[in-house]
Every structure is written in C-alpha cells, then in structure tokens.
C-alpha cells in the first residue's frame, strides 16, 4: 500500500530529523567541551537558549558535515545524491 509519494515524504522526514539530531548532539558536545557556566553553588546560570553559543553551534555544524560525509562515503548510490552537494567529496 505504499506509494512513491509516501516513501519520498518519509525519506525527507527521516533525513531532516537525522540532521537535527546530529546538530543537537554537536551542540551538546560543544557545550561540554567549552564548559557550562555555573555560579558559586554549581547551578547552571542562564536559560535554555544561553547554551546556544557560537562555539557550540560551530561544533554542531561540523557534526552535521561529518555525518553527511559519512553518508556519502558509506552508503549506496541512491543515498549519495542527497549528501553530495553538501560534502563535495565526489564527482
């Protein structure tokens, strides 16, 4: 009962969610590497958006780029068409 449109839509949803997860993991690792600001009682300072800092966003973007390079290197030809424009690894 699956149609080509249904499969294409879910492929796009799966791809976007995978990229968002990779970006989120990169932001978390960037904050761990840079350090989370704490006060004297060792409580985090600021709100949730305070954790989105330039270094952590850069680590998030680099995680997405590495994720897409991995897709380009280790997947079949049908999946490479999505990652190739972003990684520029092959012709």
Foldseek 3Di string as FASTA:
>chain_A
DDDPVNVVVVVVVVVVVVLVVLLVVQLVVQCVVVDFDADPVRDGDDDPCVSPDPRSNVSSVVSSLVVLVCCCVPHDPVRNVVSCVPNVPDD
